Protein backbone atom coordinates (compact mmCIF):
# COMPACT_ATOMS: atom_id res chain seq x y z
CA MET A 1 7.91 35.93 -7.95
CA GLU A 2 6.11 32.84 -8.93
CA GLY A 3 7.66 29.42 -8.88
CA LYS A 4 5.05 27.31 -10.42
CA LYS A 5 6.09 24.00 -11.90
CA LYS A 6 5.07 23.54 -15.48
CA GLY A 7 4.05 20.38 -17.20
CA LEU A 8 1.75 17.52 -16.43
CA SER A 9 1.60 16.03 -12.97
CA LEU A 10 2.87 12.54 -12.35
CA THR A 11 -0.66 11.33 -11.68
CA THR A 12 -1.80 12.70 -15.07
CA GLN A 13 1.21 11.15 -16.81
CA ILE A 14 0.45 7.77 -15.26
CA LEU A 15 -3.20 8.08 -16.28
CA ILE A 16 -2.22 8.81 -19.94
CA ALA A 17 0.36 5.94 -19.84
CA THR A 18 -2.37 3.55 -18.58
CA ALA A 19 -4.81 4.38 -21.36
CA GLY A 20 -2.14 4.52 -23.96
CA GLY A 21 -0.61 1.30 -22.90
CA ILE A 22 -3.94 -0.63 -23.08
CA VAL A 23 -4.86 0.85 -26.50
CA PHE A 24 -1.43 0.21 -27.90
CA GLY A 25 -1.26 -3.33 -26.68
CA SER A 26 -4.76 -4.11 -27.99
CA LEU A 27 -3.91 -2.66 -31.35
CA ILE A 28 -0.44 -4.26 -31.76
CA GLY A 29 -1.23 -7.65 -30.22
CA PRO A 30 1.30 -10.17 -29.13
CA TRP A 31 4.28 -8.13 -30.34
CA ALA A 32 3.67 -5.74 -27.37
CA SER A 33 5.17 -8.53 -25.18
CA ASN A 34 8.55 -7.32 -26.41
CA LEU A 35 8.08 -4.23 -24.28
CA LYS A 36 7.62 -6.20 -21.08
CA PHE A 37 11.35 -6.03 -20.22
CA ILE A 38 11.21 -2.25 -20.05
CA GLY A 39 8.43 -2.42 -17.51
CA ASP A 40 10.30 -5.13 -15.57
CA ILE A 41 13.25 -2.78 -15.39
CA PHE A 42 11.11 -0.14 -13.75
CA ILE A 43 9.70 -2.72 -11.26
CA ARG A 44 13.15 -3.82 -10.38
CA LEU A 45 14.37 -0.24 -9.88
CA ILE A 46 11.65 0.17 -7.30
CA GLN A 47 12.15 -3.24 -5.68
CA MET A 48 15.87 -2.88 -5.20
CA SER A 49 15.35 -0.21 -2.59
CA VAL A 50 12.01 -1.21 -0.96
CA VAL A 51 13.49 -3.59 1.70
CA LEU A 52 16.00 -0.96 2.84
CA LEU A 53 13.24 1.71 2.85
CA VAL A 54 10.94 -0.39 5.00
CA MET A 55 13.58 -1.44 7.50
CA THR A 56 15.03 1.95 7.99
CA ALA A 57 11.63 3.63 8.26
CA VAL A 58 10.45 1.18 10.96
CA ALA A 59 13.73 1.14 12.80
CA GLY A 60 13.97 4.96 12.69
CA ALA A 61 10.38 5.41 13.86
CA VAL A 62 10.76 3.03 16.76
CA GLY A 63 14.18 4.02 17.78
CA SER A 64 13.64 7.76 17.71
CA GLY A 65 10.59 7.67 20.05
CA ASP A 66 10.28 6.64 23.62
CA GLY A 67 9.00 3.10 24.49
CA GLN A 68 5.66 4.44 25.60
CA ASP A 69 4.98 6.09 22.26
CA VAL A 70 6.03 2.96 20.31
CA GLY A 71 3.80 0.72 22.47
CA LYS A 72 0.85 3.09 21.86
CA MET A 73 1.46 3.22 18.14
CA GLY A 74 1.84 -0.50 17.87
CA PHE A 75 -1.32 -1.21 19.87
CA HIS A 76 -3.55 1.13 17.92
CA THR A 77 -1.98 0.15 14.60
CA PHE A 78 -2.65 -3.59 15.04
CA LYS A 79 -6.03 -2.93 16.54
CA TRP A 80 -7.21 -1.14 13.35
CA ILE A 81 -5.45 -3.69 11.10
CA ILE A 82 -7.32 -6.59 12.71
CA PHE A 83 -10.61 -4.66 12.64
CA PHE A 84 -10.53 -3.60 9.00
CA THR A 85 -9.20 -7.01 7.77
CA LEU A 86 -11.92 -8.97 9.46
CA ILE A 87 -14.66 -6.68 8.26
CA SER A 88 -13.31 -6.95 4.60
CA ALA A 89 -13.11 -10.73 4.72
CA GLY A 90 -16.74 -10.95 6.12
CA LEU A 91 -17.78 -8.67 3.30
CA GLY A 92 -16.12 -10.97 0.82
CA VAL A 93 -18.27 -13.88 2.15
CA MET A 94 -21.49 -11.88 1.72
CA LEU A 95 -20.76 -10.63 -1.74
CA SER A 96 -19.59 -14.01 -2.97
CA MET A 97 -22.66 -15.71 -1.72
CA LEU A 98 -24.84 -12.96 -3.34
CA ILE A 99 -23.19 -12.77 -6.68
CA GLN A 100 -21.84 -16.43 -6.87
CA PRO A 101 -18.84 -15.65 -9.21
CA GLY A 102 -18.00 -19.37 -9.82
CA ILE A 103 -21.43 -20.37 -10.92
CA GLY A 104 -21.71 -21.04 -14.73
CA ILE A 105 -18.02 -20.83 -15.50
CA GLU A 106 -16.42 -23.88 -17.19
CA ILE A 107 -13.03 -24.79 -15.90
CA ALA A 108 -10.67 -26.03 -18.55
CA ASN A 109 -8.52 -29.15 -17.69
CA ALA A 110 -5.22 -27.19 -17.69
CA GLU A 111 -2.04 -29.23 -17.28
CA ALA A 112 -0.27 -26.18 -15.84
CA ILE A 113 -2.18 -26.56 -12.58
CA ALA A 114 0.45 -28.96 -11.26
CA ASN A 115 3.01 -26.21 -11.53
CA ALA A 116 0.89 -23.70 -9.79
CA SER A 117 0.18 -26.00 -6.89
CA ALA A 118 3.74 -26.61 -5.99
CA GLU A 119 4.74 -26.89 -2.32
CA THR A 120 2.56 -24.96 0.15
CA ALA A 121 3.48 -24.14 3.62
CA SER A 122 1.50 -25.43 6.48
CA LEU A 123 -0.17 -22.95 9.01
CA GLN A 124 2.62 -23.55 11.52
CA ASP A 125 5.28 -22.94 8.79
CA THR A 126 3.57 -19.73 7.81
CA LEU A 127 3.66 -18.42 11.36
CA LEU A 128 7.27 -19.62 11.81
CA GLY A 129 8.21 -17.74 8.68
CA PHE A 130 7.46 -14.45 10.36
CA VAL A 131 10.75 -14.82 12.19
CA SER A 132 13.94 -15.13 10.11
CA THR A 133 16.87 -17.27 10.94
CA ASN A 134 19.02 -15.15 8.46
CA ILE A 135 17.96 -11.58 8.06
CA ILE A 136 20.35 -11.04 5.15
CA GLY A 137 18.62 -13.93 3.34
CA SER A 138 15.24 -12.53 4.13
CA MET A 139 16.33 -9.18 2.63
CA ALA A 140 17.62 -10.83 -0.46
CA ASP A 141 14.26 -12.70 -0.79
CA SER A 142 12.27 -9.57 -0.15
CA ALA A 143 10.43 -11.33 2.69
CA MET A 144 8.87 -8.30 4.21
CA VAL A 145 7.34 -9.55 7.38
CA PRO A 146 10.68 -11.08 8.83
CA CYS A 147 12.42 -7.84 7.82
CA ILE A 148 9.85 -5.84 9.72
CA VAL A 149 10.11 -8.07 12.80
CA PHE A 150 13.90 -7.58 12.75
CA ALA A 151 13.50 -3.77 12.22
CA LEU A 152 11.14 -3.57 15.16
CA PHE A 153 13.61 -5.34 17.44
CA PHE A 154 16.55 -3.27 15.98
CA GLY A 155 14.68 -0.05 16.53
CA THR A 156 13.68 -0.93 20.10
CA ALA A 157 17.26 -1.77 20.97
CA MET A 158 18.63 1.36 19.23
CA GLY A 159 16.11 3.42 21.19
CA THR A 160 17.21 1.81 24.47
CA TYR A 161 20.87 2.51 23.58
CA THR A 162 20.12 6.15 22.74
CA ARG A 163 18.25 6.83 25.97
CA GLN A 164 20.89 5.17 28.04
CA SER A 165 23.94 6.76 26.39
CA GLY A 166 22.44 10.02 25.09
CA ASN A 167 24.19 9.33 21.71
CA ARG A 168 21.86 9.82 18.81
CA ASN A 169 24.37 9.17 16.11
CA MET A 170 22.92 5.72 15.21
CA VAL A 171 19.34 7.18 15.08
CA GLU A 172 20.46 10.01 12.86
CA TRP A 173 22.38 7.57 10.63
CA VAL A 174 19.35 5.35 10.19
CA THR A 175 16.99 8.27 9.44
CA GLY A 176 19.55 9.84 7.06
CA PHE A 177 19.93 6.51 5.27
CA ASN A 178 16.18 6.28 4.94
CA THR A 179 16.10 9.77 3.38
CA ILE A 180 18.72 8.72 0.78
CA ILE A 181 16.80 5.59 -0.14
CA THR A 182 13.59 7.70 -0.39
CA ASN A 183 15.39 10.09 -2.83
CA ILE A 184 16.49 7.18 -4.90
CA ILE A 185 12.93 5.92 -5.23
CA LYS A 186 11.60 9.45 -6.04
CA ALA A 187 14.15 9.66 -8.79
CA VAL A 188 13.03 6.31 -10.25
CA MET A 189 9.36 7.39 -10.15
CA HIS A 190 10.08 9.91 -12.89
CA VAL A 191 10.15 7.08 -15.36
CA ALA A 192 7.04 5.47 -13.88
CA PRO A 193 4.81 6.41 -16.90
CA ILE A 194 7.14 4.68 -19.27
CA GLY A 195 7.32 1.49 -17.21
CA ILE A 196 3.50 1.46 -16.58
CA PHE A 197 2.92 1.92 -20.35
CA CYS A 198 5.07 -1.14 -21.30
CA LEU A 199 3.60 -3.26 -18.59
CA LEU A 200 -0.04 -2.48 -19.59
CA ALA A 201 0.83 -2.86 -23.34
CA ASN A 202 2.12 -6.32 -22.60
CA VAL A 203 -0.98 -7.37 -20.64
CA ALA A 204 -3.37 -6.07 -23.26
CA GLY A 205 -1.35 -7.50 -26.15
CA SER A 206 -0.71 -10.95 -24.80
CA THR A 207 -3.76 -11.63 -22.64
CA GLY A 208 -6.47 -9.71 -24.42
CA PHE A 209 -10.04 -9.70 -23.11
CA LYS A 210 -10.97 -13.36 -23.74
CA VAL A 211 -9.95 -14.22 -20.27
CA ILE A 212 -11.51 -11.27 -18.63
CA ILE A 213 -15.06 -11.56 -20.02
CA PRO A 214 -15.91 -15.00 -18.55
CA MET A 215 -14.52 -13.79 -15.17
CA ILE A 216 -16.43 -10.49 -15.03
CA LYS A 217 -18.51 -11.72 -12.09
CA PHE A 218 -15.39 -12.44 -10.06
CA LEU A 219 -13.85 -9.06 -10.88
CA GLY A 220 -17.26 -7.49 -10.11
CA VAL A 221 -17.18 -8.88 -6.67
CA LEU A 222 -13.75 -7.23 -6.08
CA LEU A 223 -14.89 -3.91 -7.70
CA LEU A 224 -18.12 -3.83 -5.65
CA GLY A 225 -16.23 -4.82 -2.54
CA ASP A 226 -13.78 -1.98 -2.85
CA ALA A 227 -16.65 0.46 -3.34
CA VAL A 228 -18.53 -0.80 -0.31
CA GLN A 229 -15.29 -0.72 1.81
CA PHE A 230 -14.55 2.80 0.84
CA LEU A 231 -18.02 3.86 1.54
CA ILE A 232 -17.81 2.25 5.02
CA TYR A 233 -14.14 2.94 6.04
CA GLY A 234 -13.94 6.46 4.64
CA PRO A 235 -16.81 8.08 6.63
CA LEU A 236 -15.90 6.05 9.67
CA THR A 237 -12.32 7.27 9.59
CA ALA A 238 -13.38 10.88 8.99
CA ALA A 239 -15.92 10.71 11.79
CA LEU A 240 -13.34 9.39 14.34
CA CYS A 241 -10.66 11.81 13.09
CA LYS A 242 -13.16 14.66 12.90
CA VAL A 243 -12.30 15.68 9.32
CA ASN A 244 -14.40 16.20 6.17
CA PRO A 245 -14.88 12.84 4.34
CA ALA A 246 -15.63 14.66 1.02
CA LYS A 247 -12.00 15.66 0.69
CA MET A 248 -10.83 12.06 0.77
CA PRO A 249 -11.35 11.00 -2.85
CA LYS A 250 -9.11 13.80 -4.29
CA LYS A 251 -6.39 13.13 -1.70
CA PHE A 252 -6.34 9.47 -2.51
CA ALA A 253 -6.17 10.04 -6.30
CA LYS A 254 -2.42 9.80 -6.85
CA MET A 255 -1.68 6.75 -4.73
CA SER A 256 -4.87 4.99 -5.92
CA MET A 257 -3.67 5.47 -9.50
CA MET A 258 -0.19 4.02 -8.54
CA ALA A 259 -1.99 1.08 -6.83
CA VAL A 260 -4.22 0.28 -9.82
CA THR A 261 -1.45 0.53 -12.45
CA THR A 262 1.37 -1.27 -10.55
CA THR A 263 -0.67 -3.78 -8.50
CA SER A 264 2.05 -3.60 -5.86
CA GLY A 265 1.80 -2.25 -2.35
CA ALA A 266 5.55 -2.17 -2.16
CA ILE A 267 5.95 0.12 -5.16
CA CYS A 268 3.24 2.40 -3.77
CA LEU A 269 5.01 2.67 -0.38
CA PRO A 270 6.99 5.84 -1.04
CA THR A 271 4.01 7.74 -2.60
CA LYS A 272 1.75 6.51 0.30
CA MET A 273 3.99 7.50 3.00
CA GLU A 274 4.62 10.95 1.59
CA ASP A 275 0.98 11.62 0.85
CA THR A 276 -0.02 10.32 4.37
CA VAL A 277 1.96 13.35 5.78
CA VAL A 278 1.47 16.17 3.35
CA LYS A 279 -2.16 15.54 2.32
CA PHE A 280 -3.78 13.80 5.30
CA GLY A 281 -1.87 15.53 8.15
CA VAL A 282 -0.47 12.38 9.74
CA SER A 283 2.65 12.97 11.72
CA ARG A 284 5.92 11.84 10.11
CA LYS A 285 6.61 9.69 13.18
CA VAL A 286 3.33 7.80 12.80
CA ALA A 287 3.60 7.55 9.05
CA ASP A 288 7.04 6.08 9.29
CA PHE A 289 5.82 3.46 11.78
CA THR A 290 2.43 2.62 10.28
CA GLY A 291 3.35 2.84 6.56
CA PRO A 292 5.66 -0.19 6.18
CA ILE A 293 3.78 -2.23 8.71
CA THR A 294 0.33 -1.78 7.05
CA MET A 295 1.83 -2.52 3.68
CA SER A 296 2.60 -5.99 4.77
CA MET A 297 -0.06 -6.67 7.35
CA ASN A 298 -3.07 -4.55 6.57
CA SER A 299 -4.44 -6.00 3.30
CA CYS A 300 -8.22 -5.35 3.25
CA GLY A 301 -8.48 -5.61 -0.51
CA ALA A 302 -6.46 -8.88 -0.38
CA ALA A 303 -8.61 -10.38 2.38
CA LEU A 304 -11.78 -9.69 0.40
CA CYS A 305 -10.12 -11.15 -2.71
CA TYR A 306 -8.90 -14.29 -1.08
CA VAL A 307 -12.38 -15.00 0.34
CA ALA A 308 -13.86 -14.47 -3.01
CA ALA A 309 -11.29 -16.71 -4.61
CA ILE A 310 -12.17 -19.44 -2.17
CA PHE A 311 -15.86 -19.13 -3.00
CA PHE A 312 -15.00 -19.07 -6.73
CA MET A 313 -12.91 -22.25 -6.49
CA ALA A 314 -15.65 -24.07 -4.57
CA GLN A 315 -18.54 -22.81 -6.81
CA SER A 316 -16.83 -23.50 -10.05
CA THR A 317 -16.10 -27.09 -9.10
CA GLY A 318 -19.46 -27.78 -7.41
CA VAL A 319 -18.18 -27.87 -3.81
CA GLN A 320 -20.57 -26.64 -1.12
CA LEU A 321 -18.64 -24.90 1.58
CA THR A 322 -19.67 -25.73 5.18
CA THR A 323 -19.99 -23.10 7.93
CA TYR A 324 -16.68 -24.36 9.39
CA GLN A 325 -14.95 -23.93 6.01
CA MET A 326 -16.49 -20.38 5.63
CA GLY A 327 -15.07 -19.47 9.12
CA MET A 328 -11.67 -20.94 8.20
CA ALA A 329 -11.78 -19.01 4.94
CA ILE A 330 -12.08 -15.77 6.85
CA LEU A 331 -9.40 -16.62 9.36
CA LEU A 332 -6.90 -18.14 6.81
CA SER A 333 -7.50 -15.09 4.47
CA CYS A 334 -6.77 -12.67 7.21
CA LEU A 335 -3.70 -14.57 8.17
CA MET A 336 -2.31 -14.78 4.64
CA CYS A 337 -2.76 -10.97 4.45
CA MET A 338 -0.12 -10.64 7.08
CA GLY A 339 2.48 -12.56 5.15
CA THR A 340 1.54 -12.00 1.48
CA ILE A 341 4.17 -11.15 -0.98
CA VAL A 342 3.63 -7.49 -1.76
CA VAL A 343 4.82 -7.61 -5.40
CA PRO A 344 2.75 -8.64 -8.44
CA GLY A 345 2.06 -12.41 -8.60
CA GLY A 346 2.33 -13.14 -4.90
CA SER A 347 -1.37 -14.13 -4.71
CA VAL A 348 -0.80 -17.31 -6.84
CA ILE A 349 0.97 -18.92 -3.96
CA VAL A 350 -1.79 -17.81 -1.58
CA TYR A 351 -4.50 -19.29 -3.81
CA THR A 352 -2.82 -22.63 -3.76
CA PHE A 353 -2.26 -22.54 -0.01
CA LEU A 354 -5.97 -21.69 0.62
CA ALA A 355 -7.28 -24.45 -1.70
CA SER A 356 -5.06 -27.01 -0.10
CA SER A 357 -5.87 -25.95 3.45
CA LEU A 358 -9.63 -26.07 2.84
CA GLY A 359 -9.55 -29.33 0.74
CA LEU A 360 -10.74 -27.61 -2.48
CA PRO A 361 -9.96 -28.86 -5.98
CA LEU A 362 -7.04 -27.02 -7.53
CA GLU A 363 -8.29 -26.92 -11.13
CA SER A 364 -9.91 -23.57 -10.94
CA ILE A 365 -6.69 -21.82 -9.82
CA ALA A 366 -5.63 -21.79 -13.56
CA VAL A 367 -8.47 -19.35 -14.29
CA LEU A 368 -7.65 -17.20 -11.33
CA ILE A 369 -4.04 -16.97 -12.42
CA GLY A 370 -5.17 -15.86 -15.87
CA ILE A 371 -6.77 -12.67 -14.55
CA ASP A 372 -4.51 -12.17 -11.47
CA TRP A 373 -3.13 -8.97 -12.82
CA PHE A 374 -6.61 -7.49 -12.99
CA SER A 375 -7.52 -8.87 -9.67
CA GLY A 376 -4.38 -7.30 -8.24
CA MET A 377 -5.58 -3.82 -9.31
CA PHE A 378 -8.61 -4.14 -7.00
CA ARG A 379 -6.67 -5.79 -4.14
CA THR A 380 -3.93 -3.23 -4.07
CA LEU A 381 -6.28 -0.23 -4.40
CA MET A 382 -8.04 -0.94 -1.18
CA ASN A 383 -4.90 -2.14 0.59
CA VAL A 384 -3.15 1.18 0.03
CA ASP A 385 -6.18 3.41 0.73
CA VAL A 386 -6.94 1.70 4.08
CA ASP A 387 -3.25 1.79 5.04
CA VAL A 388 -3.55 5.65 5.08
CA MET A 389 -6.74 5.46 7.06
CA VAL A 390 -5.03 3.38 9.70
CA GLY A 391 -2.31 5.99 9.83
CA MET A 392 -4.97 8.76 10.33
CA LEU A 393 -6.68 6.84 13.10
CA VAL A 394 -3.44 6.16 14.99
CA SER A 395 -2.27 9.76 14.57
CA SER A 396 -5.63 11.09 15.78
CA LYS A 397 -5.55 8.77 18.77
CA LEU A 398 -2.07 10.02 19.68
CA GLY A 399 -3.20 13.66 19.34
CA ASP A 400 -0.85 14.63 16.52
CA LEU A 401 -3.09 14.61 13.51
CA ASP A 402 -2.76 17.96 11.78
CA ARG A 403 -6.30 18.80 10.65
CA ASP A 404 -5.16 22.02 9.09
CA VAL A 405 -3.02 20.15 6.65
CA TYR A 406 -5.91 17.85 5.90
CA ASN A 407 -8.44 20.64 5.36
CA GLU A 408 -6.33 23.14 3.42
CA PRO A 409 -5.93 22.77 -0.38
CA GLN A 410 -2.48 21.75 -1.48
CA THR A 411 -0.16 24.27 -3.19
CA ARG A 412 3.47 24.13 -3.57
CA PHE A 413 4.94 27.64 -3.07
CA PHE A 414 4.79 30.46 -0.53
CA HIS A 415 6.57 33.82 0.12
CA PHE A 416 8.17 34.85 3.23
CA ILE A 417 6.93 38.09 4.81
CA THR A 418 8.27 38.66 8.29
CA ALA A 419 10.06 36.69 11.00
CA SER A 420 11.54 37.33 14.41
CA ALA A 421 15.15 38.47 14.26
CA LEU A 422 15.94 35.64 16.67
CA TRP A 423 14.88 33.02 14.04
CA PRO A 424 17.95 30.82 13.87
CA ALA A 425 18.23 30.69 10.10
CA PRO A 426 17.24 32.89 7.17
CA VAL A 427 14.03 31.73 5.45
CA HIS A 428 13.67 32.11 1.69
CA GLN A 429 10.84 31.19 -0.71
CA ARG A 430 10.52 27.43 -0.86
CA ALA A 431 8.19 24.61 -1.34
CA ASP A 432 5.79 23.66 1.36
CA PRO A 433 2.79 21.42 1.04
CA TYR A 434 0.87 22.94 3.88
CA CYS A 435 0.21 26.37 2.31
CA THR A 436 -2.90 27.74 0.59
CA GLY A 437 -3.44 30.80 -1.51
CA ASN A 438 -3.43 34.36 -0.12
CA SER A 439 -3.52 33.31 3.51
CA VAL A 440 -1.23 34.34 6.36
CA HIS A 441 0.39 31.41 8.08
CA THR A 442 2.27 31.09 11.38
CA HIS A 443 4.80 28.49 12.55
CA ILE A 444 6.19 28.47 16.05
CA HIS A 445 9.83 27.30 16.13
CA PRO A 446 9.85 24.05 18.23
CA GLY A 447 13.25 24.87 19.85
CA THR A 448 13.06 28.63 20.50
CA GLY A 449 9.41 29.41 20.48
CA HIS A 450 10.03 32.24 18.03
CA THR A 451 7.23 33.07 15.42
CA LEU A 452 7.68 32.73 11.62
CA ARG A 453 4.93 34.25 9.48
CA TRP A 454 4.40 34.09 5.82
CA TYR A 455 1.74 34.16 3.10
CA SER A 456 1.30 31.66 0.37
CA ALA A 457 1.05 32.33 -3.33
CA PRO A 458 -1.34 30.12 -5.32
């Protein structure tokens, strides 16, 4: 009996919606802005659950493991976050000096700059903002980093309580709640093509290509930077994890499409966390820990973009950056990556903060705002992909990276053949991402040690 699902995959639907939205918006023009509210509804449906998803995933991952495991995961996670972010920021400096995106671009004297350069936080305030005085307020404001900090403390305390009392009810409640939130987001994702079509139709209809063409060099820096990063980080990750790098592009396709079309790491989080496990072989424990943390703190694409924006603002207004300013550009860009708003539009605040911190004129921010949606595509693309690579590296270091899952092609269905009579529950045909066509597979039950064997149907 075959149980193949019919119809187009979600990735294909999103791809069609992307092309259709751009063409439709370009043909219809400004009227397409009337569709924006539909796209906004889709974004809000995702956003309403993201904070709870992040907090329960982190708290559950920390609370269900022992302190030693959490310490190891945390150390290796932040080690790779810092490494990748610094490399990306340095790459941004080199590409910006080579391509010089701000040279030859005329900056209009836009009065709206005053609004864009509203209050900016100092460096101390930015660091202080990582710790919330009111976690409910932080949740309401979707301030991810304070929520993650609280979830880390909550998970640690929950794990201590569980080990001391032997009562796992709270851990099971948190992980169960996380499953419910994940199911909500999966249901919402069924309307993703509609939301994405409307969002892109609005952008193409209201913005057009007049703003994009003069900024092609800036966008080119981001595109080239993403390509160079993937060519560096992909083989490096594959070599350290001892897997085939040629399989990576196809595995990244779905989440990369989501990243490009939504420009939001938060919206990509459910897809990223699921694919990290079922396509890349990262353990669920590691994925639940690294996924939310890297979403907010590992932003390689953003680091490169922010450095390029600093050079653009300086070059377009005739400011020559000093060596000190270049160094500060790297450090500040990396720091802002750890507290950036992970929904569309958050970079506008960062641009203003960086310009003010380095003493750069604010006039050119208006141009960056004009193409921020397109810049966000390149930022989010690399942010999401490198998040998965961090998970792979951490899982490999801890010794629980399943290379069989990574190496085997993905199919959805298998048929049960034989099992030990002592297997605790009957097994029927069901979906499993780890199977491949016409092969015999074996699972050892973790509790009893009994063997379950099956073959998969393509």
